Amino acid sequence: MTIKTHRIGQIVPSSNTTMETEIPAMLTAHALAHGTRFTFHSSRMRMKTVKKEELAAMDAESDRCALELSDARVDVLGYACLVAIMSIGKGYHRVSQERLHSRTVENGGAAPVITSAGALVDALHVIGAKRIALVAPYMKPLTQLVVDYIEHEGVQVVDWRALEIPDNLEVGRHDPARLPQIVAGMETSNVDAVVLSACVQMPSLPAIPQVEAMTGKPVVTAAVATTYAMLKALDLKTVVPGAGALLSGAY
């Protein structure tokens, strides 16, 4: 029997080093568990400093990236920058997804488009989270925009931490082993879930099991939510070992 190879396309900020690490890690674990097969393909948008003006300029390049990836006839396309979407305006993930999907259709390579922003919001609804605690690497004003965006989608952010790392390369170098201690200092007793990384550049995958054990709450990240949404779009099992509650098979 021939195993279908699923082509995963990602629109990635030029300084992002994590999305092409954590998504393939989860999908490789999926392949080992379920006999699936994936290849990974990226197109990059220039961005070095995580600030509103640079994010908006970067987002303007996403149409080109969608065209490039649809040239490769990818099966699903992920927009790998949560804060770029959320800083533009409430609900913008829907506008972005529809526009970028249109670019793939026009190019004769129609593919569903996932944004990490939309995937995180959808994941919180999937697990039934009404109240969350959230960790983000951004400066406080950008983190506040993320909080406002999520609350506009019907989820209350009870407590949040902004790690205030403006350089996107430094965000990618943040040690995930520090995350459990950060969460330990937050109010998590009365939340439904913890967003361990509201950013696809801040590494978090290795810390998820520990934070779930520590808090007794489901833990999601932007990368985990994106992986879940990609698997749903491909009509594949949403079960990945070691990636937390969302990918446990419970949902």
Protein backbone atom coordinates (compact mmCIF):
# COMPACT_ATOMS: atom_id res chain seq x y z
CA MET A 1 0.00 0.00 0.00
CA THR A 2 1.33 3.44 -0.96
CA ILE A 3 1.45 5.91 1.93
CA LYS A 4 0.36 9.40 0.92
CA THR A 5 2.94 12.09 1.59
CA HIS A 6 1.39 15.26 3.05
CA ARG A 7 3.21 18.46 2.09
CA ILE A 8 3.26 20.97 4.94
CA GLY A 9 3.76 24.59 3.89
CA GLN A 10 4.72 27.31 6.37
CA ILE A 11 4.86 31.09 5.99
CA VAL A 12 7.61 31.98 8.44
CA PRO A 13 9.15 35.24 9.71
CA SER A 14 12.73 35.40 8.43
CA SER A 15 14.15 35.32 11.97
CA ASN A 16 11.92 32.46 13.17
CA THR A 17 13.89 29.32 14.06
CA THR A 18 11.31 27.44 16.14
CA MET A 19 8.29 26.79 13.90
CA GLU A 20 10.43 24.69 11.55
CA THR A 21 11.64 22.76 14.62
CA GLU A 22 8.52 22.15 16.75
CA ILE A 23 5.96 21.50 13.97
CA PRO A 24 8.19 18.91 12.25
CA ALA A 25 8.98 17.36 15.66
CA MET A 26 5.27 16.86 16.38
CA LEU A 27 4.45 15.63 12.89
CA THR A 28 7.46 13.27 12.91
CA ALA A 29 6.11 11.84 16.20
CA HIS A 30 2.72 11.53 14.46
CA ALA A 31 4.38 9.69 11.56
CA LEU A 32 6.07 7.23 13.94
CA ALA A 33 2.82 6.61 15.84
CA HIS A 34 0.43 6.41 12.90
CA GLY A 35 2.48 5.54 9.80
CA THR A 36 1.86 8.92 8.17
CA ARG A 37 4.41 10.77 6.06
CA PHE A 38 5.16 14.51 5.84
CA THR A 39 7.52 16.84 4.00
CA PHE A 40 8.11 20.44 5.09
CA HIS A 41 8.35 23.55 2.93
CA SER A 42 8.76 27.20 3.98
CA SER A 43 8.62 30.69 2.54
CA ARG A 44 9.95 33.62 4.56
CA MET A 45 8.84 37.20 5.32
CA ARG A 46 11.46 39.69 6.58
CA MET A 47 11.18 40.45 10.31
CA LYS A 48 13.88 40.92 12.98
CA THR A 49 12.35 43.00 15.77
CA VAL A 50 8.94 42.21 17.24
CA LYS A 51 7.28 45.63 17.02
CA LYS A 52 3.96 46.68 15.50
CA GLU A 53 5.34 48.55 12.47
CA GLU A 54 7.69 45.75 11.47
CA LEU A 55 4.96 43.14 11.95
CA ALA A 56 2.57 45.04 9.65
CA ALA A 57 5.26 45.37 6.95
CA MET A 58 6.00 41.67 7.28
CA ASP A 59 2.34 40.68 6.97
CA ALA A 60 2.20 42.48 3.61
CA GLU A 61 4.62 39.85 2.29
CA SER A 62 2.35 36.93 3.20
CA ASP A 63 0.56 36.94 -0.19
CA ARG A 64 3.87 36.35 -1.99
CA CYS A 65 4.66 33.51 0.42
CA ALA A 66 1.26 31.86 -0.17
CA LEU A 67 1.89 31.98 -3.92
CA GLU A 68 5.36 30.49 -3.56
CA LEU A 69 4.11 27.64 -1.38
CA SER A 70 1.17 26.91 -3.67
CA ASP A 71 3.73 26.59 -6.51
CA ALA A 72 4.94 23.55 -4.52
CA ARG A 73 1.34 22.29 -4.29
CA VAL A 74 1.42 21.99 -0.51
CA ASP A 75 -1.56 20.25 1.12
CA VAL A 76 -1.95 22.73 3.98
CA LEU A 77 -0.44 26.14 4.60
CA GLY A 78 0.40 27.53 8.06
CA TYR A 79 0.97 31.23 8.77
CA ALA A 80 3.57 31.05 11.53
CA CYS A 81 3.36 34.38 13.35
CA LEU A 82 0.62 34.83 15.93
CA VAL A 83 1.38 38.40 17.01
CA ALA A 84 1.56 39.72 13.43
CA ILE A 85 -2.07 38.72 12.95
CA MET A 86 -3.30 39.75 16.39
CA SER A 87 -1.60 43.18 16.30
CA ILE A 88 -3.35 44.18 13.07
CA GLY A 89 -6.89 44.04 14.44
CA LYS A 90 -9.47 41.88 16.18
CA GLY A 91 -10.69 38.97 14.07
CA TYR A 92 -7.98 39.54 11.46
CA HIS A 93 -7.06 35.85 11.33
CA ARG A 94 -10.28 35.20 9.38
CA VAL A 95 -9.46 37.93 6.84
CA SER A 96 -5.89 36.67 6.45
CA GLN A 97 -6.89 33.01 6.06
CA GLU A 98 -9.49 33.81 3.41
CA ARG A 99 -7.19 36.12 1.45
CA LEU A 100 -4.21 33.74 1.48
CA HIS A 101 -6.43 30.78 0.53
CA SER A 102 -7.65 32.86 -2.43
CA ARG A 103 -4.01 33.31 -3.55
CA THR A 104 -3.56 29.52 -3.61
CA VAL A 105 -6.81 29.05 -5.55
CA GLU A 106 -5.83 31.70 -8.12
CA ASN A 107 -2.51 29.89 -8.54
CA GLY A 108 -4.17 26.56 -9.24
CA GLY A 109 -2.88 25.01 -6.02
CA ALA A 110 -5.81 25.41 -3.61
CA ALA A 111 -4.82 24.63 -0.02
CA PRO A 112 -6.45 25.29 3.35
CA VAL A 113 -4.72 28.07 5.28
CA ILE A 114 -4.14 27.90 9.04
CA THR A 115 -2.94 30.92 11.00
CA SER A 116 -1.31 30.26 14.36
CA ALA A 117 -3.51 33.08 15.75
CA GLY A 118 -6.73 31.47 14.56
CA ALA A 119 -5.51 28.01 15.54
CA LEU A 120 -4.85 29.10 19.14
CA VAL A 121 -8.27 30.72 19.49
CA ASP A 122 -9.97 27.67 17.98
CA ALA A 123 -7.99 25.30 20.21
CA LEU A 124 -9.17 27.12 23.34
CA HIS A 125 -12.76 26.64 22.19
CA VAL A 126 -12.11 22.97 21.34
CA ILE A 127 -10.96 22.23 24.91
CA GLY A 128 -13.79 24.35 26.35
CA ALA A 129 -11.50 26.91 28.00
CA LYS A 130 -13.35 30.01 29.24
CA ARG A 131 -10.55 31.30 31.51
CA ILE A 132 -6.84 31.00 30.80
CA ALA A 133 -3.38 31.98 32.00
CA LEU A 134 -0.97 33.03 29.24
CA VAL A 135 2.78 33.41 28.73
CA ALA A 136 4.17 35.50 25.85
CA PRO A 137 7.67 36.71 24.98
CA TYR A 138 6.53 40.10 23.65
CA MET A 139 6.81 43.58 25.13
CA LYS A 140 3.85 44.49 27.36
CA PRO A 141 1.94 46.65 24.80
CA LEU A 142 2.01 43.86 22.19
CA THR A 143 1.10 41.26 24.81
CA GLN A 144 -1.88 43.42 25.79
CA LEU A 145 -3.02 43.36 22.13
CA VAL A 146 -2.82 39.54 22.22
CA VAL A 147 -4.83 39.44 25.46
CA ASP A 148 -7.46 41.80 24.01
CA TYR A 149 -7.66 39.73 20.81
CA ILE A 150 -8.25 36.48 22.70
CA GLU A 151 -10.80 38.08 25.03
CA HIS A 152 -12.64 39.45 21.96
CA GLU A 153 -12.97 35.79 20.89
CA GLY A 154 -14.77 34.96 24.15
CA VAL A 155 -11.94 33.65 26.36
CA GLN A 156 -11.00 35.54 29.56
CA VAL A 157 -7.28 35.94 30.24
CA VAL A 158 -7.13 35.75 34.04
CA ASP A 159 -3.35 36.17 34.35
CA TRP A 160 -0.56 36.81 31.86
CA ARG A 161 3.19 37.29 31.70
CA ALA A 162 5.08 39.33 29.09
CA LEU A 163 8.74 38.30 29.02
CA GLU A 164 9.65 41.50 27.11
CA ILE A 165 12.13 40.10 24.58
CA PRO A 166 12.07 42.44 21.55
CA ASP A 167 14.68 40.63 19.40
CA ASN A 168 13.01 37.72 17.60
CA LEU A 169 16.21 35.67 17.48
CA GLU A 170 16.49 35.98 21.26
CA VAL A 171 12.86 34.80 21.59
CA GLY A 172 13.91 31.64 19.74
CA ARG A 173 16.80 31.18 22.19
CA HIS A 174 14.60 31.39 25.30
CA ASP A 175 15.15 28.21 27.30
CA PRO A 176 11.85 26.25 27.58
CA ALA A 177 13.13 24.84 30.89
CA ARG A 178 12.41 28.29 32.40
CA LEU A 179 8.70 28.13 31.59
CA PRO A 180 7.55 25.91 34.49
CA GLN A 181 8.99 28.35 37.02
CA ILE A 182 7.29 31.28 35.25
CA VAL A 183 3.94 29.48 35.35
CA ALA A 184 4.48 28.56 39.01
CA GLY A 185 4.36 32.28 39.82
CA MET A 186 1.02 32.78 38.06
CA GLU A 187 -2.61 32.35 39.11
CA THR A 188 -3.64 29.03 37.59
CA SER A 189 -5.95 27.55 40.25
CA ASN A 190 -9.09 29.07 38.73
CA VAL A 191 -8.28 28.75 35.01
CA ASP A 192 -9.39 26.11 32.52
CA ALA A 193 -6.11 25.99 30.58
CA VAL A 194 -2.61 27.42 30.36
CA VAL A 195 -1.24 28.93 27.14
CA LEU A 196 2.43 28.15 27.71
CA SER A 197 3.62 30.04 24.63
CA ALA A 198 1.38 32.51 22.79
CA CYS A 199 4.14 32.68 20.17
CA VAL A 200 5.36 30.18 17.60
CA GLN A 201 8.96 31.43 18.02
CA MET A 202 9.26 30.85 21.79
CA PRO A 203 10.22 27.18 22.32
CA SER A 204 7.88 25.35 24.68
CA LEU A 205 7.29 21.79 23.48
CA PRO A 206 9.62 20.03 25.99
CA ALA A 207 7.98 21.82 28.94
CA ILE A 208 4.35 20.94 28.18
CA PRO A 209 4.13 17.61 30.10
CA GLN A 210 5.81 19.13 33.17
CA VAL A 211 3.49 22.16 33.27
CA GLU A 212 0.42 19.94 32.80
CA ALA A 213 1.58 17.74 35.69
CA MET A 214 2.37 20.78 37.84
CA THR A 215 -0.89 22.67 37.27
CA GLY A 216 -3.32 19.83 36.60
CA LYS A 217 -4.61 21.90 33.65
CA PRO A 218 -4.56 21.35 29.89
CA VAL A 219 -1.57 23.17 28.39
CA VAL A 220 -1.63 24.49 24.83
CA THR A 221 0.83 26.50 22.78
CA ALA A 222 0.56 28.32 19.46
CA ALA A 223 2.64 25.58 17.80
CA VAL A 224 0.56 22.74 19.29
CA ALA A 225 -2.67 24.48 18.24
CA THR A 226 -1.31 24.95 14.71
CA THR A 227 -0.35 21.28 14.50
CA TYR A 228 -3.84 20.25 15.67
CA ALA A 229 -5.46 22.51 13.06
CA MET A 230 -3.19 21.16 10.31
CA LEU A 231 -4.02 17.55 11.20
CA LYS A 232 -7.75 18.39 11.19
CA ALA A 233 -7.42 20.07 7.79
CA LEU A 234 -5.66 16.95 6.45
CA ASP A 235 -8.33 14.69 8.01
CA LEU A 236 -5.69 12.86 10.08
CA LYS A 237 -5.78 11.64 13.69
CA THR A 238 -5.17 14.50 16.12
CA VAL A 239 -2.96 12.41 18.40
CA VAL A 240 0.71 13.23 18.99
CA PRO A 241 2.59 11.68 21.96
CA GLY A 242 4.06 14.17 24.44
CA ALA A 243 2.36 17.26 22.99
CA GLY A 244 -0.21 17.85 25.71
CA ALA A 245 -3.96 17.52 26.19
CA LEU A 246 -5.06 18.99 22.83
CA LEU A 247 -3.15 16.30 20.93
CA SER A 248 -3.89 13.48 23.39
CA GLY A 249 -6.86 12.18 21.42
CA ALA A 250 -9.36 13.51 23.96
CA TYR A 251 -10.55 16.13 21.44
